[in-house]
Amino acid sequence: MHQAFADGDLYNKLLFFFEYHPFHNVLHQKVFSVLEKALSESHLPHTVNHLLYQTSLIKRILDTSETSASAGLHVFSSTGNRVRRGFLIYMRKIATKLVEV
């Protein structure tokens, strides 16, 4: 499964949609499940290396963990209301899984 995802650059595409739809919890859960499965196959070091070095996973984790006041907030253009992005908990779970691996 990993080789097909790596060849098609699907991991980066999943991460893009992860942030492109900040309130789509079903999508976030599925992307998290795919990444968790890939990271749980830690006996395959090329899978983990691919996720760490050839995808934008680490950059996205770092971007969402910024300490600035606007990190993790989504501003609706029509109303100007600010709300927390729905995928932040999944980014924390992915980061925790990385630490475990």
PDB file of N, CA and C in Angstrom:
ATOM      1  N   MET A   1       0.823  -1.183   0.000  1.00  0.00           N
ATOM      2  CA  MET A   1       0.000   0.000   0.000  1.00  0.00           C
ATOM      3  C   MET A   1       0.873   1.254   0.000  1.00  0.00           C
ATOM      4  N   HIS A   2       1.937   1.217   0.793  1.00  0.00           N
ATOM      5  CA  HIS A   2       2.786   2.400   0.894  1.00  0.00           C
ATOM      6  C   HIS A   2       3.393   2.778  -0.455  1.00  0.00           C
ATOM      7  N   GLN A   3       3.845   1.806  -1.201  1.00  0.00           N
ATOM      8  CA  GLN A   3       4.503   2.107  -2.471  1.00  0.00           C
ATOM      9  C   GLN A   3       3.555   2.818  -3.437  1.00  0.00           C
ATOM     10  N   ALA A   4       2.311   2.389  -3.471  1.00  0.00           N
ATOM     11  CA  ALA A   4       1.322   3.045  -4.335  1.00  0.00           C
ATOM     12  C   ALA A   4       1.062   4.480  -3.873  1.00  0.00           C
ATOM     13  N   PHE A   5       0.979   4.695  -2.567  1.00  0.00           N
ATOM     14  CA  PHE A   5       0.770   6.043  -2.039  1.00  0.00           C
ATOM     15  C   PHE A   5       1.986   6.923  -2.317  1.00  0.00           C
ATOM     16  N   ALA A   6       3.178   6.362  -2.187  1.00  0.00           N
ATOM     17  CA  ALA A   6       4.402   7.132  -2.428  1.00  0.00           C
ATOM     18  C   ALA A   6       4.541   7.478  -3.907  1.00  0.00           C
ATOM     19  N   ASP A   7       4.272   6.525  -4.781  1.00  0.00           N
ATOM     20  CA  ASP A   7       4.402   6.762  -6.219  1.00  0.00           C
ATOM     21  C   ASP A   7       3.418   7.824  -6.712  1.00  0.00           C
ATOM     22  N   GLY A   8       2.222   7.842  -6.181  1.00  0.00           N
ATOM     23  CA  GLY A   8       1.205   8.802  -6.593  1.00  0.00           C
ATOM     24  C   GLY A   8       1.210  10.089  -5.794  1.00  0.00           C
ATOM     25  N   ASP A   9       2.170  10.240  -4.880  1.00  0.00           N
ATOM     26  CA  ASP A   9       2.265  11.410  -4.002  1.00  0.00           C
ATOM     27  C   ASP A   9       0.948  11.642  -3.253  1.00  0.00           C
ATOM     28  N   LEU A  10       0.299  10.551  -2.885  1.00  0.00           N
ATOM     29  CA  LEU A  10      -1.001  10.654  -2.218  1.00  0.00           C
ATOM     30  C   LEU A  10      -0.909  11.177  -0.792  1.00  0.00           C
ATOM     31  N   TYR A  11       0.211  10.923  -0.120  1.00  0.00           N
ATOM     32  CA  TYR A  11       0.344  11.439   1.247  1.00  0.00           C
ATOM     33  C   TYR A  11       0.274  12.965   1.250  1.00  0.00           C
ATOM     34  N   ASN A  12       0.985  13.609   0.331  1.00  0.00           N
ATOM     35  CA  ASN A  12       0.938  15.075   0.258  1.00  0.00           C
ATOM     36  C   ASN A  12      -0.441  15.572  -0.154  1.00  0.00           C
ATOM     37  N   LYS A  13      -1.101  14.844  -1.031  1.00  0.00           N
ATOM     38  CA  LYS A  13      -2.443  15.240  -1.447  1.00  0.00           C
ATOM     39  C   LYS A  13      -3.423  15.131  -0.282  1.00  0.00           C
ATOM     40  N   LEU A  14      -3.292  14.073   0.507  1.00  0.00           N
ATOM     41  CA  LEU A  14      -4.151  13.929   1.679  1.00  0.00           C
ATOM     42  C   LEU A  14      -3.910  15.059   2.673  1.00  0.00           C
ATOM     43  N   LEU A  15      -2.648  15.413   2.876  1.00  0.00           N
ATOM     44  CA  LEU A  15      -2.334  16.503   3.796  1.00  0.00           C
ATOM     45  C   LEU A  15      -2.873  17.839   3.288  1.00  0.00           C
ATOM     46  N   PHE A  16      -2.864  18.029   1.973  1.00  0.00           N
ATOM     47  CA  PHE A  16      -3.432  19.258   1.401  1.00  0.00           C
ATOM     48  C   PHE A  16      -4.919  19.344   1.711  1.00  0.00           C
ATOM     49  N   PHE A  17      -5.666  18.280   1.440  1.00  0.00           N
ATOM     50  CA  PHE A  17      -7.109  18.301   1.695  1.00  0.00           C
ATOM     51  C   PHE A  17      -7.424  18.370   3.178  1.00  0.00           C
ATOM     52  N   PHE A  18      -6.506  17.878   3.994  1.00  0.00           N
ATOM     53  CA  PHE A  18      -6.648  17.947   5.438  1.00  0.00           C
ATOM     54  C   PHE A  18      -6.840  19.396   5.876  1.00  0.00           C
ATOM     55  N   GLU A  19      -6.035  20.308   5.337  1.00  0.00           N
ATOM     56  CA  GLU A  19      -6.151  21.722   5.702  1.00  0.00           C
ATOM     57  C   GLU A  19      -7.112  22.490   4.804  1.00  0.00           C
ATOM     58  N   TYR A  20      -7.305  22.041   3.585  1.00  0.00           N
ATOM     59  CA  TYR A  20      -8.191  22.734   2.649  1.00  0.00           C
ATOM     60  C   TYR A  20      -9.637  22.685   3.132  1.00  0.00           C
ATOM     61  N   HIS A  21      -9.996  21.609   3.822  1.00  0.00           N
ATOM     62  CA  HIS A  21     -11.339  21.460   4.402  1.00  0.00           C
ATOM     63  C   HIS A  21     -11.192  21.434   5.924  1.00  0.00           C
ATOM     64  N   PRO A  22     -11.052  22.594   6.569  1.00  0.00           N
ATOM     65  CA  PRO A  22     -10.709  22.622   7.989  1.00  0.00           C
ATOM     66  C   PRO A  22     -11.787  22.111   8.936  1.00  0.00           C
ATOM     67  N   PHE A  23     -13.014  21.898   8.458  1.00  0.00           N
ATOM     68  CA  PHE A  23     -14.082  21.441   9.343  1.00  0.00           C
ATOM     69  C   PHE A  23     -14.713  20.137   8.885  1.00  0.00           C
ATOM     70  N   HIS A  24     -14.036  19.379   8.076  1.00  0.00           N
ATOM     71  CA  HIS A  24     -14.566  18.119   7.545  1.00  0.00           C
ATOM     72  C   HIS A  24     -14.007  16.963   8.391  1.00  0.00           C
ATOM     73  N   ASN A  25     -14.672  16.682   9.505  1.00  0.00           N
ATOM     74  CA  ASN A  25     -14.151  15.727  10.479  1.00  0.00           C
ATOM     75  C   ASN A  25     -14.050  14.307   9.957  1.00  0.00           C
ATOM     76  N   VAL A  26     -14.943  13.907   9.076  1.00  0.00           N
ATOM     77  CA  VAL A  26     -14.866  12.553   8.513  1.00  0.00           C
ATOM     78  C   VAL A  26     -13.596  12.415   7.673  1.00  0.00           C
ATOM     79  N   LEU A  27     -13.308  13.410   6.853  1.00  0.00           N
ATOM     80  CA  LEU A  27     -12.083  13.420   6.072  1.00  0.00           C
ATOM     81  C   LEU A  27     -10.862  13.395   6.977  1.00  0.00           C
ATOM     82  N   HIS A  28     -10.868  14.192   8.023  1.00  0.00           N
ATOM     83  CA  HIS A  28      -9.736  14.244   8.948  1.00  0.00           C
ATOM     84  C   HIS A  28      -9.501  12.886   9.598  1.00  0.00           C
ATOM     85  N   GLN A  29     -10.564  12.214   9.992  1.00  0.00           N
ATOM     86  CA  GLN A  29     -10.431  10.903  10.623  1.00  0.00           C
ATOM     87  C   GLN A  29      -9.831   9.902   9.655  1.00  0.00           C
ATOM     88  N   LYS A  30     -10.251   9.933   8.411  1.00  0.00           N
ATOM     89  CA  LYS A  30      -9.739   8.982   7.413  1.00  0.00           C
ATOM     90  C   LYS A  30      -8.274   9.261   7.088  1.00  0.00           C
ATOM     91  N   VAL A  31      -7.919  10.531   6.942  1.00  0.00           N
ATOM     92  CA  VAL A  31      -6.510  10.875   6.684  1.00  0.00           C
ATOM     93  C   VAL A  31      -5.660  10.447   7.876  1.00  0.00           C
ATOM     94  N   PHE A  32      -6.137  10.698   9.078  1.00  0.00           N
ATOM     95  CA  PHE A  32      -5.414  10.267  10.268  1.00  0.00           C
ATOM     96  C   PHE A  32      -5.250   8.751  10.280  1.00  0.00           C
ATOM     97  N   SER A  33      -6.292   8.017   9.907  1.00  0.00           N
ATOM     98  CA  SER A  33      -6.211   6.550   9.882  1.00  0.00           C
ATOM     99  C   SER A  33      -5.155   6.067   8.896  1.00  0.00           C
ATOM    100  N   VAL A  34      -5.089   6.695   7.729  1.00  0.00           N
ATOM    101  CA  VAL A  34      -4.089   6.304   6.726  1.00  0.00           C
ATOM    102  C   VAL A  34      -2.681   6.573   7.247  1.00  0.00           C
ATOM    103  N   LEU A  35      -2.471   7.763   7.808  1.00  0.00           N
ATOM    104  CA  LEU A  35      -1.147   8.107   8.316  1.00  0.00           C
ATOM    105  C   LEU A  35      -0.773   7.257   9.526  1.00  0.00           C
ATOM    106  N   GLU A  36      -1.743   6.975  10.376  1.00  0.00           N
ATOM    107  CA  GLU A  36      -1.479   6.127  11.541  1.00  0.00           C
ATOM    108  C   GLU A  36      -1.075   4.725  11.101  1.00  0.00           C
ATOM    109  N   LYS A  37      -1.761   4.200  10.105  1.00  0.00           N
ATOM    110  CA  LYS A  37      -1.430   2.875   9.581  1.00  0.00           C
ATOM    111  C   LYS A  37      -0.015   2.853   9.001  1.00  0.00           C
ATOM    112  N   ALA A  38       0.315   3.906   8.243  1.00  0.00           N
ATOM    113  CA  ALA A  38       1.662   3.981   7.658  1.00  0.00           C
ATOM    114  C   ALA A  38       2.724   4.088   8.745  1.00  0.00           C
ATOM    115  N   LEU A  39       2.454   4.864   9.781  1.00  0.00           N
ATOM    116  CA  LEU A  39       3.433   5.019  10.857  1.00  0.00           C
ATOM    117  C   LEU A  39       3.496   3.802  11.765  1.00  0.00           C
ATOM    118  N   SER A  40       2.416   3.047  11.844  1.00  0.00           N
ATOM    119  CA  SER A  40       2.439   1.854  12.695  1.00  0.00           C
ATOM    120  C   SER A  40       3.232   0.731  12.056  1.00  0.00           C
ATOM    121  N   GLU A  41       3.493   0.859  10.765  1.00  0.00           N
ATOM    122  CA  GLU A  41       4.341  -0.108  10.086  1.00  0.00           C
ATOM    123  C   GLU A  41       5.800   0.308  10.243  1.00  0.00           C
ATOM    124  N   SER A  42       6.197   0.538  11.505  1.00  0.00           N
ATOM    125  CA  SER A  42       7.541   1.043  11.768  1.00  0.00           C
ATOM    126  C   SER A  42       8.619   0.005  11.481  1.00  0.00           C
ATOM    127  N   HIS A  43       8.218  -1.240  11.276  1.00  0.00           N
ATOM    128  CA  HIS A  43       9.204  -2.246  10.888  1.00  0.00           C
ATOM    129  C   HIS A  43       9.643  -2.045   9.443  1.00  0.00           C
ATOM    130  N   LEU A  44       8.945  -1.170   8.740  1.00  0.00           N
ATOM    131  CA  LEU A  44       9.326  -0.796   7.380  1.00  0.00           C
ATOM    132  C   LEU A  44       9.903   0.614   7.425  1.00  0.00           C
ATOM    133  N   PRO A  45      11.197   0.740   7.653  1.00  0.00           N
ATOM    134  CA  PRO A  45      11.769   2.078   7.849  1.00  0.00           C
ATOM    135  C   PRO A  45      11.635   2.986   6.624  1.00  0.00           C
ATOM    136  N   HIS A  46      11.537   2.417   5.422  1.00  0.00           N
ATOM    137  CA  HIS A  46      11.382   3.275   4.249  1.00  0.00           C
ATOM    138  C   HIS A  46      10.039   3.994   4.249  1.00  0.00           C
ATOM    139  N   THR A  47       9.018   3.399   4.857  1.00  0.00           N
ATOM    140  CA  THR A  47       7.714   4.063   4.961  1.00  0.00           C
ATOM    141  C   THR A  47       7.815   5.278   5.871  1.00  0.00           C
ATOM    142  N   VAL A  48       8.407   5.085   7.032  1.00  0.00           N
ATOM    143  CA  VAL A  48       8.551   6.183   7.988  1.00  0.00           C
ATOM    144  C   VAL A  48       9.463   7.262   7.411  1.00  0.00           C
ATOM    145  N   ASN A  49      10.561   6.867   6.775  1.00  0.00           N
ATOM    146  CA  ASN A  49      11.472   7.836   6.172  1.00  0.00           C
ATOM    147  C   ASN A  49      10.778   8.645   5.080  1.00  0.00           C
ATOM    148  N   HIS A  50       9.961   7.987   4.291  1.00  0.00           N
ATOM    149  CA  HIS A  50       9.234   8.700   3.246  1.00  0.00           C
ATOM    150  C   HIS A  50       8.304   9.749   3.852  1.00  0.00           C
ATOM    151  N   LEU A  51       7.580   9.383   4.894  1.00  0.00           N
ATOM    152  CA  LEU A  51       6.662  10.328   5.532  1.00  0.00           C
ATOM    153  C   LEU A  51       7.401  11.491   6.173  1.00  0.00           C
ATOM    154  N   LEU A  52       8.571  11.212   6.734  1.00  0.00           N
ATOM    155  CA  LEU A  52       9.312  12.272   7.414  1.00  0.00           C
ATOM    156  C   LEU A  52      10.045  13.202   6.463  1.00  0.00           C
ATOM    157  N   TYR A  53      10.616  12.646   5.403  1.00  0.00           N
ATOM    158  CA  TYR A  53      11.519  13.436   4.567  1.00  0.00           C
ATOM    159  C   TYR A  53      10.989  13.799   3.189  1.00  0.00           C
ATOM    160  N   GLN A  54       9.974  13.124   2.699  1.00  0.00           N
ATOM    161  CA  GLN A  54       9.507  13.383   1.347  1.00  0.00           C
ATOM    162  C   GLN A  54       8.063  13.870   1.284  1.00  0.00           C
ATOM    163  N   THR A  55       7.474  14.124   2.428  1.00  0.00           N
ATOM    164  CA  THR A  55       6.136  14.706   2.459  1.00  0.00           C
ATOM    165  C   THR A  55       6.188  16.001   3.263  1.00  0.00           C
ATOM    166  N   SER A  56       5.107  16.705   3.278  1.00  0.00           N
ATOM    167  CA  SER A  56       5.035  17.960   4.026  1.00  0.00           C
ATOM    168  C   SER A  56       4.474  17.758   5.437  1.00  0.00           C
ATOM    169  N   LEU A  57       4.522  16.534   5.935  1.00  0.00           N
ATOM    170  CA  LEU A  57       3.930  16.224   7.231  1.00  0.00           C
ATOM    171  C   LEU A  57       4.556  17.036   8.362  1.00  0.00           C
ATOM    172  N   ILE A  58       5.863  17.050   8.465  1.00  0.00           N
ATOM    173  CA  ILE A  58       6.531  17.758   9.554  1.00  0.00           C
ATOM    174  C   ILE A  58       6.273  19.265   9.449  1.00  0.00           C
ATOM    175  N   LYS A  59       6.326  19.797   8.238  1.00  0.00           N
ATOM    176  CA  LYS A  59       6.066  21.225   8.044  1.00  0.00           C
ATOM    177  C   LYS A  59       4.657  21.578   8.494  1.00  0.00           C
ATOM    178  N   ARG A  60       3.703  20.743   8.161  1.00  0.00           N
ATOM    179  CA  ARG A  60       2.315  21.030   8.543  1.00  0.00           C
ATOM    180  C   ARG A  60       2.120  20.936  10.054  1.00  0.00           C
ATOM    181  N   ILE A  61       2.788  19.979  10.679  1.00  0.00           N
ATOM    182  CA  ILE A  61       2.703  19.877  12.137  1.00  0.00           C
ATOM    183  C   ILE A  61       3.300  21.125  12.777  1.00  0.00           C
ATOM    184  N   LEU A  62       4.445  21.551  12.280  1.00  0.00           N
ATOM    185  CA  LEU A  62       5.082  22.741  12.843  1.00  0.00           C
ATOM    186  C   LEU A  62       4.265  23.995  12.575  1.00  0.00           C
ATOM    187  N   ASP A  63       3.662  24.085  11.401  1.00  0.00           N
ATOM    188  CA  ASP A  63       2.837  25.247  11.081  1.00  0.00           C
ATOM    189  C   ASP A  63       1.626  25.351  12.002  1.00  0.00           C
ATOM    190  N   THR A  64       1.042  24.229  12.361  1.00  0.00           N
ATOM    191  CA  THR A  64      -0.142  24.275  13.222  1.00  0.00           C
ATOM    192  C   THR A  64       0.215  24.435  14.696  1.00  0.00           C
ATOM    193  N   SER A  65       1.474  24.228  15.037  1.00  0.00           N
ATOM    194  CA  SER A  65       1.863  24.366  16.440  1.00  0.00           C
ATOM    195  C   SER A  65       2.557  25.697  16.716  1.00  0.00           C
ATOM    196  N   GLU A  66       2.462  26.639  15.787  1.00  0.00           N
ATOM    197  CA  GLU A  66       3.040  27.960  16.011  1.00  0.00           C
ATOM    198  C   GLU A  66       2.447  28.583  17.265  1.00  0.00           C
ATOM    199  N   THR A  67       3.218  29.420  17.875  1.00  0.00           N
ATOM    200  CA  THR A  67       2.723  30.074  19.094  1.00  0.00           C
ATOM    201  C   THR A  67       2.072  31.414  18.816  1.00  0.00           C
ATOM    202  N   SER A  68       1.966  31.783  17.550  1.00  0.00           N
ATOM    203  CA  SER A  68       1.331  33.073  17.248  1.00  0.00           C
ATOM    204  C   SER A  68      -0.153  33.025  17.569  1.00  0.00           C
ATOM    205  N   ALA A  69      -0.729  34.194  17.738  1.00  0.00           N
ATOM    206  CA  ALA A  69      -2.139  34.281  18.131  1.00  0.00           C
ATOM    207  C   ALA A  69      -3.076  33.742  17.065  1.00  0.00           C
ATOM    208  N   SER A  70      -2.677  33.790  15.798  1.00  0.00           N
ATOM    209  CA  SER A  70      -3.581  33.353  14.736  1.00  0.00           C
ATOM    210  C   SER A  70      -3.423  31.883  14.385  1.00  0.00           C
ATOM    211  N   ALA A  71      -2.478  31.193  15.001  1.00  0.00           N
ATOM    212  CA  ALA A  71      -2.279  29.777  14.673  1.00  0.00           C
ATOM    213  C   ALA A  71      -3.490  28.970  15.098  1.00  0.00           C
ATOM    214  N   GLY A  72      -3.956  28.141  14.203  1.00  0.00           N
ATOM    215  CA  GLY A  72      -5.075  27.277  14.516  1.00  0.00           C
ATOM    216  C   GLY A  72      -6.428  27.930  14.398  1.00  0.00           C
ATOM    217  N   LEU A  73      -6.488  29.160  13.924  1.00  0.00           N
ATOM    218  CA  LEU A  73      -7.763  29.837  13.789  1.00  0.00           C
ATOM    219  C   LEU A  73      -8.131  29.970  12.317  1.00  0.00           C
ATOM    220  N   HIS A  74      -9.415  29.870  12.061  1.00  0.00           N
ATOM    221  CA  HIS A  74      -9.946  30.068  10.716  1.00  0.00           C
ATOM    222  C   HIS A  74     -10.874  31.273  10.780  1.00  0.00           C
ATOM    223  N   VAL A  75     -10.694  32.190   9.852  1.00  0.00           N
ATOM    224  CA  VAL A  75     -11.525  33.391   9.813  1.00  0.00           C
ATOM    225  C   VAL A  75     -12.475  33.268   8.630  1.00  0.00           C
ATOM    226  N   PHE A  76     -13.765  33.315   8.921  1.00  0.00           N
ATOM    227  CA  PHE A  76     -14.758  33.272   7.861  1.00  0.00           C
ATOM    228  C   PHE A  76     -14.773  34.608   7.148  1.00  0.00           C
ATOM    229  N   SER A  77     -14.646  34.581   5.831  1.00  0.00           N
ATOM    230  CA  SER A  77     -14.564  35.827   5.066  1.00  0.00           C
ATOM    231  C   SER A  77     -15.880  36.603   5.086  1.00  0.00           C
ATOM    232  N   SER A  78     -16.993  35.921   5.172  1.00  0.00           N
ATOM    233  CA  SER A  78     -18.278  36.627   5.113  1.00  0.00           C
ATOM    234  C   SER A  78     -18.625  37.330   6.421  1.00  0.00           C
ATOM    235  N   THR A  79     -18.277  36.728   7.546  1.00  0.00           N
ATOM    236  CA  THR A  79     -18.662  37.308   8.830  1.00  0.00           C
ATOM    237  C   THR A  79     -17.483  37.839   9.634  1.00  0.00           C
ATOM    238  N   GLY A  80     -16.291  37.354   9.341  1.00  0.00           N
ATOM    239  CA  GLY A  80     -15.121  37.763  10.113  1.00  0.00           C
ATOM    240  C   GLY A  80     -14.977  37.018  11.424  1.00  0.00           C
ATOM    241  N   ASN A  81     -15.858  36.046  11.684  1.00  0.00           N
ATOM    242  CA  ASN A  81     -15.777  35.260  12.914  1.00  0.00           C
ATOM    243  C   ASN A  81     -14.561  34.354  12.895  1.00  0.00           C
ATOM    244  N   ARG A  82     -13.936  34.199  14.039  1.00  0.00           N
ATOM    245  CA  ARG A  82     -12.777  33.310  14.177  1.00  0.00           C
ATOM    246  C   ARG A  82     -13.179  32.083  14.978  1.00  0.00           C
ATOM    247  N   VAL A  83     -12.815  30.928  14.453  1.00  0.00           N
ATOM    248  CA  VAL A  83     -13.081  29.672  15.156  1.00  0.00           C
ATOM    249  C   VAL A  83     -11.847  28.778  15.005  1.00  0.00           C
ATOM    250  N   ARG A  84     -11.698  27.853  15.916  1.00  0.00           N
ATOM    251  CA  ARG A  84     -10.589  26.902  15.833  1.00  0.00           C
ATOM    252  C   ARG A  84     -10.826  25.944  14.687  1.00  0.00           C
ATOM    253  N   ARG A  85      -9.754  25.614  13.983  1.00  0.00           N
ATOM    254  CA  ARG A  85      -9.849  24.652  12.885  1.00  0.00           C
ATOM    255  C   ARG A  85     -10.116  23.272  13.453  1.00  0.00           C
ATOM    256  N   GLY A  86     -10.924  22.492  12.761  1.00  0.00           N
ATOM    257  CA  GLY A  86     -11.344  21.198  13.260  1.00  0.00           C
ATOM    258  C   GLY A  86     -10.283  20.124  13.224  1.00  0.00           C
ATOM    259  N   PHE A  87      -9.218  20.315  12.455  1.00  0.00           N
ATOM    260  CA  PHE A  87      -8.241  19.254  12.298  1.00  0.00           C
ATOM    261  C   PHE A  87      -7.103  19.309  13.311  1.00  0.00           C
ATOM    262  N   LEU A  88      -7.083  20.273  14.214  1.00  0.00           N
ATOM    263  CA  LEU A  88      -5.960  20.424  15.127  1.00  0.00           C
ATOM    264  C   LEU A  88      -5.771  19.203  16.023  1.00  0.00           C
ATOM    265  N   ILE A  89      -6.858  18.611  16.483  1.00  0.00           N
ATOM    266  CA  ILE A  89      -6.722  17.429  17.337  1.00  0.00           C
ATOM    267  C   ILE A  89      -6.079  16.283  16.576  1.00  0.00           C
ATOM    268  N   TYR A  90      -6.369  16.165  15.289  1.00  0.00           N
ATOM    269  CA  TYR A  90      -5.771  15.096  14.500  1.00  0.00           C
ATOM    270  C   TYR A  90      -4.287  15.359  14.255  1.00  0.00           C
ATOM    271  N   MET A  91      -3.906  16.621  14.104  1.00  0.00           N
ATOM    272  CA  MET A  91      -2.484  16.940  13.965  1.00  0.00           C
ATOM    273  C   MET A  91      -1.736  16.586  15.241  1.00  0.00           C
ATOM    274  N   ARG A  92      -2.376  16.803  16.378  1.00  0.00           N
ATOM    275  CA  ARG A  92      -1.748  16.425  17.651  1.00  0.00           C
ATOM    276  C   ARG A  92      -1.602  14.907  17.750  1.00  0.00           C
ATOM    277  N   LYS A  93      -2.610  14.183  17.308  1.00  0.00           N
ATOM    278  CA  LYS A  93      -2.541  12.723  17.340  1.00  0.00           C
ATOM    279  C   LYS A  93      -1.443  12.203  16.424  1.00  0.00           C
ATOM    280  N   ILE A  94      -1.298  12.806  15.254  1.00  0.00           N
ATOM    281  CA  ILE A  94      -0.244  12.389  14.323  1.00  0.00           C
ATOM    282  C   ILE A  94       1.128  12.686  14.930  1.00  0.00           C
ATOM    283  N   ALA A  95       1.275  13.846  15.551  1.00  0.00           N
ATOM    284  CA  ALA A  95       2.540  14.198  16.181  1.00  0.00           C
ATOM    285  C   ALA A  95       2.860  13.224  17.314  1.00  0.00           C
ATOM    286  N   THR A  96       1.866  12.842  18.084  1.00  0.00           N
ATOM    287  CA  THR A  96       2.069  11.866  19.156  1.00  0.00           C
ATOM    288  C   THR A  96       2.504  10.516  18.594  1.00  0.00           C
ATOM    289  N   LYS A  97       1.883  10.112  17.493  1.00  0.00           N
ATOM    290  CA  LYS A  97       2.267   8.846  16.861  1.00  0.00           C
ATOM    291  C   LYS A  97       3.705   8.902  16.360  1.00  0.00           C
ATOM    292  N   LEU A  98       4.117  10.041  15.817  1.00  0.00           N
ATOM    293  CA  LEU A  98       5.501  10.204  15.379  1.00  0.00           C
ATOM    294  C   LEU A  98       6.472  10.051  16.535  1.00  0.00           C
ATOM    295  N   VAL A  99       6.108  10.618  17.673  1.00  0.00           N
ATOM    296  CA  VAL A  99       6.971  10.503  18.866  1.00  0.00           C
ATOM    297  C   VAL A  99       7.058   9.040  19.303  1.00  0.00           C
ATOM    298  N   GLU A 100       5.952   8.317  19.243  1.00  0.00           N
ATOM    299  CA  GLU A 100       5.962   6.902  19.612  1.00  0.00           C
ATOM    300  C   GLU A 100       6.873   6.089  18.700  1.00  0.00           C
ATOM    301  N   VAL A 101       6.841   6.403  17.402  1.00  0.00           N
ATOM    302  CA  VAL A 101       7.659   5.665  16.430  1.00  0.00           C
ATOM    303  C   VAL A 101       9.108   6.033  16.632  1.00  0.00           C
TER     304      VAL A 101
END
